[in-house]
């Protein structure tokens, strides 16, 4: 897909099928993250964890349900896979770096005709709680890393066609 068409076709999916995503496609999505621009080339401060199938993602969903107290919570909407970006720091630069990786993965998933969803709230809700350590254990994180954001991926019924430009921005100025 041409880059501008991929950008225009990308959308958040909240209805995934039960089919697991092939490992090769997940590797392609992860590879896209590794090409993201990272401030001062501090790639060693970032870590990716892949929950590659429904059974592993369900462990994340159960943790979120316990943390939120909502037994019906499904922050990943039945996604087949979840890719979590973690960082050694929890400052603005690290969040920006993780967001660049996440955007690359969202676009790569679209290019592969897979649905995707940026999952931030469920990850962020664990910070400073006992669930933060449980999430780190689930993700098998190296010592000192904190989950910052994630991408849910899976098959869906969405058509990957460029959409109309959203008009939700308050304005665009070209300053001269």
C-alpha atoms as a PDB file:
ATOM      1  CA  UNK A   1       0.000   0.000   0.000  1.00  0.00           C
ATOM      2  CA  UNK A   2       1.250   3.515  -0.734  1.00  0.00           C
ATOM      3  CA  UNK A   3       2.176   5.299   2.503  1.00  0.00           C
ATOM      4  CA  UNK A   4      -0.393   8.103   2.216  1.00  0.00           C
ATOM      5  CA  UNK A   5      -3.154   5.571   1.480  1.00  0.00           C
ATOM      6  CA  UNK A   6      -2.072   3.466   4.454  1.00  0.00           C
ATOM      7  CA  UNK A   7      -2.220   6.527   6.714  1.00  0.00           C
ATOM      8  CA  UNK A   8      -5.681   7.401   5.415  1.00  0.00           C
ATOM      9  CA  UNK A   9      -6.933   3.808   5.756  1.00  0.00           C
ATOM     10  CA  UNK A  10      -5.733   3.266   9.339  1.00  0.00           C
ATOM     11  CA  UNK A  11      -8.477   3.170  11.936  1.00  0.00           C
ATOM     12  CA  UNK A  12      -9.047   1.820  15.418  1.00  0.00           C
ATOM     13  CA  UNK A  13     -10.675  -1.604  15.380  1.00  0.00           C
ATOM     14  CA  UNK A  14     -12.821  -2.744  18.281  1.00  0.00           C
ATOM     15  CA  UNK A  15     -14.222  -5.967  16.828  1.00  0.00           C
ATOM     16  CA  UNK A  16     -11.614  -8.650  16.154  1.00  0.00           C
ATOM     17  CA  UNK A  17     -12.198 -12.202  14.941  1.00  0.00           C
ATOM     18  CA  UNK A  18     -11.226 -15.324  16.876  1.00  0.00           C
ATOM     19  CA  UNK A  19      -8.485 -16.236  14.379  1.00  0.00           C
ATOM     20  CA  UNK A  20      -4.886 -15.997  15.637  1.00  0.00           C
ATOM     21  CA  UNK A  21      -2.392 -13.964  13.594  1.00  0.00           C
ATOM     22  CA  UNK A  22       0.469 -15.820  11.936  1.00  0.00           C
ATOM     23  CA  UNK A  23       3.848 -15.343  13.628  1.00  0.00           C
ATOM     24  CA  UNK A  24       5.445 -14.045  10.420  1.00  0.00           C
ATOM     25  CA  UNK A  25       2.940 -11.179  10.253  1.00  0.00           C
ATOM     26  CA  UNK A  26       3.568 -10.320  13.901  1.00  0.00           C
ATOM     27  CA  UNK A  27       7.298 -10.295  13.204  1.00  0.00           C
ATOM     28  CA  UNK A  28       6.698  -7.859  10.311  1.00  0.00           C
ATOM     29  CA  UNK A  29       4.751  -5.557  12.636  1.00  0.00           C
ATOM     30  CA  UNK A  30       7.464  -5.722  15.306  1.00  0.00           C
ATOM     31  CA  UNK A  31      10.109  -5.036  12.659  1.00  0.00           C
ATOM     32  CA  UNK A  32       8.245  -1.827  11.747  1.00  0.00           C
ATOM     33  CA  UNK A  33       8.561  -0.689  15.375  1.00  0.00           C
ATOM     34  CA  UNK A  34      12.320  -1.152  15.224  1.00  0.00           C
ATOM     35  CA  UNK A  35      12.527   1.434  12.425  1.00  0.00           C
ATOM     36  CA  UNK A  36      10.794   4.136  14.470  1.00  0.00           C
ATOM     37  CA  UNK A  37      12.675   7.337  15.196  1.00  0.00           C
ATOM     38  CA  UNK A  38      13.947   7.220  18.767  1.00  0.00           C
ATOM     39  CA  UNK A  39      15.406  10.302  20.443  1.00  0.00           C
ATOM     40  CA  UNK A  40      19.183  10.243  20.701  1.00  0.00           C
ATOM     41  CA  UNK A  41      19.086   6.658  19.339  1.00  0.00           C
ATOM     42  CA  UNK A  42      18.304   5.333  22.843  1.00  0.00           C
ATOM     43  CA  UNK A  43      16.867   2.067  21.568  1.00  0.00           C
ATOM     44  CA  UNK A  44      18.382   0.243  24.537  1.00  0.00           C
ATOM     45  CA  UNK A  45      15.906   2.021  26.823  1.00  0.00           C
ATOM     46  CA  UNK A  46      12.958   0.340  25.078  1.00  0.00           C
ATOM     47  CA  UNK A  47      11.651  -3.221  25.094  1.00  0.00           C
ATOM     48  CA  UNK A  48       8.902  -4.990  23.127  1.00  0.00           C
ATOM     49  CA  UNK A  49       6.828  -7.836  24.542  1.00  0.00           C
ATOM     50  CA  UNK A  50       4.593  -9.844  22.220  1.00  0.00           C
ATOM     51  CA  UNK A  51       1.570 -11.756  23.452  1.00  0.00           C
ATOM     52  CA  UNK A  52       1.132 -13.694  20.187  1.00  0.00           C
ATOM     53  CA  UNK A  53      -2.208 -15.468  20.552  1.00  0.00           C
ATOM     54  CA  UNK A  54      -5.651 -15.243  22.120  1.00  0.00           C
ATOM     55  CA  UNK A  55      -4.636 -17.436  25.066  1.00  0.00           C
ATOM     56  CA  UNK A  56      -1.789 -15.077  26.043  1.00  0.00           C
ATOM     57  CA  UNK A  57      -3.824 -11.922  25.408  1.00  0.00           C
ATOM     58  CA  UNK A  58      -6.562 -13.348  27.630  1.00  0.00           C
ATOM     59  CA  UNK A  59      -4.091 -13.286  30.550  1.00  0.00           C
ATOM     60  CA  UNK A  60      -3.680  -9.539  29.974  1.00  0.00           C
ATOM     61  CA  UNK A  61      -7.462  -9.100  29.767  1.00  0.00           C
ATOM     62  CA  UNK A  62      -7.945 -11.000  33.036  1.00  0.00           C
ATOM     63  CA  UNK A  63      -5.331  -8.815  34.736  1.00  0.00           C
ATOM     64  CA  UNK A  64      -7.164  -5.698  33.499  1.00  0.00           C
ATOM     65  CA  UNK A  65     -10.466  -7.065  34.767  1.00  0.00           C
ATOM     66  CA  UNK A  66      -8.979  -7.680  38.204  1.00  0.00           C
ATOM     67  CA  UNK A  67      -7.358  -4.244  38.282  1.00  0.00           C
ATOM     68  CA  UNK A  68     -10.485  -2.375  37.194  1.00  0.00           C
ATOM     69  CA  UNK A  69     -12.990  -4.471  39.130  1.00  0.00           C
ATOM     70  CA  UNK A  70     -15.024  -4.817  35.914  1.00  0.00           C
ATOM     71  CA  UNK A  71     -15.491  -8.505  35.100  1.00  0.00           C
ATOM     72  CA  UNK A  72     -16.624  -7.598  31.565  1.00  0.00           C
ATOM     73  CA  UNK A  73     -13.732  -5.275  30.703  1.00  0.00           C
ATOM     74  CA  UNK A  74     -12.072  -6.068  27.386  1.00  0.00           C
ATOM     75  CA  UNK A  75      -9.537  -3.337  26.644  1.00  0.00           C
ATOM     76  CA  UNK A  76      -8.255  -5.205  23.581  1.00  0.00           C
ATOM     77  CA  UNK A  77     -11.674  -6.155  22.164  1.00  0.00           C
ATOM     78  CA  UNK A  78     -10.786  -9.823  21.597  1.00  0.00           C
ATOM     79  CA  UNK A  79      -7.590  -9.033  19.682  1.00  0.00           C
ATOM     80  CA  UNK A  80      -5.491 -12.031  18.706  1.00  0.00           C
ATOM     81  CA  UNK A  81      -2.190 -10.436  19.719  1.00  0.00           C
ATOM     82  CA  UNK A  82      -0.866  -7.611  21.861  1.00  0.00           C
ATOM     83  CA  UNK A  83       2.501  -5.914  21.444  1.00  0.00           C
ATOM     84  CA  UNK A  84       3.561  -3.872  24.471  1.00  0.00           C
ATOM     85  CA  UNK A  85       6.257  -1.196  24.375  1.00  0.00           C
ATOM     86  CA  UNK A  86       8.057  -0.693  27.684  1.00  0.00           C
ATOM     87  CA  UNK A  87      10.723   1.771  28.703  1.00  0.00           C
ATOM     88  CA  UNK A  88      13.412   2.194  31.323  1.00  0.00           C
ATOM     89  CA  UNK A  89      12.177   5.721  31.972  1.00  0.00           C
ATOM     90  CA  UNK A  90       8.666   7.079  32.392  1.00  0.00           C
ATOM     91  CA  UNK A  91       9.387  10.578  31.131  1.00  0.00           C
ATOM     92  CA  UNK A  92       7.981  12.468  28.160  1.00  0.00           C
ATOM     93  CA  UNK A  93      10.851  11.452  25.858  1.00  0.00           C
ATOM     94  CA  UNK A  94      10.315   7.745  26.531  1.00  0.00           C
ATOM     95  CA  UNK A  95       6.560   8.076  25.945  1.00  0.00           C
ATOM     96  CA  UNK A  96       7.251   9.931  22.691  1.00  0.00           C
ATOM     97  CA  UNK A  97       9.675   7.223  21.581  1.00  0.00           C
ATOM     98  CA  UNK A  98       7.181   4.483  22.414  1.00  0.00           C
ATOM     99  CA  UNK A  99       4.436   6.386  20.554  1.00  0.00           C
ATOM    100  CA  UNK A 100       6.626   6.485  17.433  1.00  0.00           C
ATOM    101  CA  UNK A 101       7.107   2.725  17.660  1.00  0.00           C
ATOM    102  CA  UNK A 102       3.385   2.223  18.206  1.00  0.00           C
ATOM    103  CA  UNK A 103       2.408   4.356  15.218  1.00  0.00           C
ATOM    104  CA  UNK A 104       4.782   2.388  12.986  1.00  0.00           C
ATOM    105  CA  UNK A 105       3.154  -0.846  14.188  1.00  0.00           C
ATOM    106  CA  UNK A 106      -0.370   0.503  13.630  1.00  0.00           C
ATOM    107  CA  UNK A 107       0.521   1.449  10.055  1.00  0.00           C
ATOM    108  CA  UNK A 108       2.298  -1.857   9.418  1.00  0.00           C
ATOM    109  CA  UNK A 109      -0.791  -3.753  10.606  1.00  0.00           C
ATOM    110  CA  UNK A 110      -2.961  -1.701   8.243  1.00  0.00           C
ATOM    111  CA  UNK A 111      -0.590  -2.410   5.373  1.00  0.00           C
ATOM    112  CA  UNK A 112      -0.919  -6.139   6.175  1.00  0.00           C
ATOM    113  CA  UNK A 113      -4.735  -5.785   6.222  1.00  0.00           C
ATOM    114  CA  UNK A 114      -4.897  -6.492   9.941  1.00  0.00           C
ATOM    115  CA  UNK A 115      -6.999  -4.521  12.375  1.00  0.00           C
ATOM    116  CA  UNK A 116      -5.230  -2.635  15.132  1.00  0.00           C
ATOM    117  CA  UNK A 117      -5.936  -0.577  18.214  1.00  0.00           C
ATOM    118  CA  UNK A 118      -3.682   1.662  20.297  1.00  0.00           C
ATOM    119  CA  UNK A 119      -4.185   0.451  23.880  1.00  0.00           C
ATOM    120  CA  UNK A 120      -2.921   2.971  26.412  1.00  0.00           C
ATOM    121  CA  UNK A 121      -5.442   3.363  29.221  1.00  0.00           C
ATOM    122  CA  UNK A 122      -5.366  -0.229  30.430  1.00  0.00           C
ATOM    123  CA  UNK A 123      -1.562  -0.156  30.572  1.00  0.00           C
ATOM    124  CA  UNK A 124      -1.426   3.252  32.261  1.00  0.00           C
ATOM    125  CA  UNK A 125      -4.038   2.241  34.869  1.00  0.00           C
ATOM    126  CA  UNK A 126      -1.584  -0.269  36.350  1.00  0.00           C
ATOM    127  CA  UNK A 127       1.088   2.346  37.116  1.00  0.00           C
ATOM    128  CA  UNK A 128       1.640   2.745  40.829  1.00  0.00           C
ATOM    129  CA  UNK A 129      -0.598  -0.210  41.703  1.00  0.00           C
ATOM    130  CA  UNK A 130       0.166  -3.826  42.663  1.00  0.00           C
ATOM    131  CA  UNK A 131      -0.923  -4.743  39.121  1.00  0.00           C
ATOM    132  CA  UNK A 132       2.099  -2.975  37.675  1.00  0.00           C
ATOM    133  CA  UNK A 133       4.378  -5.748  38.952  1.00  0.00           C
ATOM    134  CA  UNK A 134       1.926  -8.424  37.795  1.00  0.00           C
ATOM    135  CA  UNK A 135       1.891  -6.919  34.309  1.00  0.00           C
ATOM    136  CA  UNK A 136       5.694  -6.786  34.241  1.00  0.00           C
ATOM    137  CA  UNK A 137       5.759 -10.474  35.198  1.00  0.00           C
ATOM    138  CA  UNK A 138       3.208 -11.382  32.537  1.00  0.00           C
ATOM    139  CA  UNK A 139       5.295  -9.564  29.918  1.00  0.00           C
ATOM    140  CA  UNK A 140       8.525 -11.129  31.237  1.00  0.00           C
ATOM    141  CA  UNK A 141      10.083  -7.668  31.332  1.00  0.00           C
ATOM    142  CA  UNK A 142      13.744  -7.135  32.142  1.00  0.00           C
ATOM    143  CA  UNK A 143      14.327  -5.447  35.501  1.00  0.00           C
ATOM    144  CA  UNK A 144      13.660  -1.716  35.482  1.00  0.00           C
ATOM    145  CA  UNK A 145      11.246  -1.575  32.517  1.00  0.00           C
ATOM    146  CA  UNK A 146       7.720  -0.131  32.738  1.00  0.00           C
ATOM    147  CA  UNK A 147       4.953  -0.772  30.173  1.00  0.00           C
ATOM    148  CA  UNK A 148       4.115   2.487  28.360  1.00  0.00           C
ATOM    149  CA  UNK A 149       1.635   1.569  25.638  1.00  0.00           C
ATOM    150  CA  UNK A 150       0.592  -1.203  23.313  1.00  0.00           C
ATOM    151  CA  UNK A 151      -0.941  -2.288  20.030  1.00  0.00           C
ATOM    152  CA  UNK A 152      -3.730  -4.838  19.823  1.00  0.00           C
ATOM    153  CA  UNK A 153      -3.730  -6.706  16.501  1.00  0.00           C
ATOM    154  CA  UNK A 154      -6.044  -9.152  14.796  1.00  0.00           C
ATOM    155  CA  UNK A 155      -8.221 -10.025  11.860  1.00  0.00           C
ATOM    156  CA  UNK A 156     -11.384  -8.033  11.388  1.00  0.00           C
ATOM    157  CA  UNK A 157     -14.116  -7.249   8.887  1.00  0.00           C
ATOM    158  CA  UNK A 158     -12.915  -3.695   8.218  1.00  0.00           C
ATOM    159  CA  UNK A 159     -12.170  -2.578   4.691  1.00  0.00           C
ATOM    160  CA  UNK A 160      -8.803  -0.930   4.421  1.00  0.00           C
ATOM    161  CA  UNK A 161      -9.755   1.904   2.112  1.00  0.00           C
ATOM    162  CA  UNK A 162      -8.678   5.523   2.479  1.00  0.00           C
ATOM    163  CA  UNK A 163     -11.323   7.445   4.415  1.00  0.00           C
ATOM    164  CA  UNK A 164     -12.449  11.041   4.318  1.00  0.00           C
ATOM    165  CA  UNK A 165     -10.280  13.526   6.161  1.00  0.00           C
ATOM    166  CA  UNK A 166     -11.509  14.037   9.715  1.00  0.00           C
ATOM    167  CA  UNK A 167     -12.351  17.658  10.513  1.00  0.00           C
ATOM    168  CA  UNK A 168     -11.907  17.485  14.266  1.00  0.00           C
ATOM    169  CA  UNK A 169      -8.778  19.626  14.579  1.00  0.00           C
ATOM    170  CA  UNK A 170      -9.468  23.183  15.715  1.00  0.00           C
ATOM    171  CA  UNK A 171      -7.409  24.547  12.838  1.00  0.00           C
ATOM    172  CA  UNK A 172      -4.233  24.414  10.812  1.00  0.00           C
ATOM    173  CA  UNK A 173      -1.998  27.459  10.462  1.00  0.00           C
ATOM    174  CA  UNK A 174       0.874  27.811   8.032  1.00  0.00           C
ATOM    175  CA  UNK A 175       2.947  30.429   9.843  1.00  0.00           C
ATOM    176  CA  UNK A 176       5.028  32.737   7.647  1.00  0.00           C
END
